[in-house]
């Protein structure tokens, strides 16, 4: 449930980034449209960064909770437990590039706003960043689904042990 909520926040942020990209492309040189583009991009970036960070914390926290719950069990090394151990590590492959691309986009956007770079660099990086965010959220959705399945399997095993 928590994982799905984080994905909704992440996808909302990506939708905002798309809206900011289209607004930035259509804005011309009016300062009002530029201000709206900036506000929408910053707000959406915060949503995406929030989602990515909390997905990382959520996967780490559930992993620790499950491993603590089964630590003193005789079946702590069975596949039902060990199948979720690398999940956090595998999801970081997607999280860090997504966070890095978004932060780079913000820095380059500031450089464009200051007149130090051409807007073409920001536009290209913006579309690349949106692509990375989409790929990341798709991969993280799978990781969160596997994490949920893992927790359910371990919980079922714990419940079966208690009824014996």
Foldseek 3Di string as FASTA:
>chain_A
DVLVVLLVLQVVLLVLLVVLLVLVVPVPPDVVSVVVSVVSLVVSLVSNLVSLVVLLVVLVVLLVVLLVVCVPPPCCPPCLNVVSPCLSVVLVVLSPVLNVLSVVLVVVVVCVVVVNDPCVVSSVSSVVSSVSSVVSSVVSVVSVVVSVVSVVSSVVVVVVVVVD
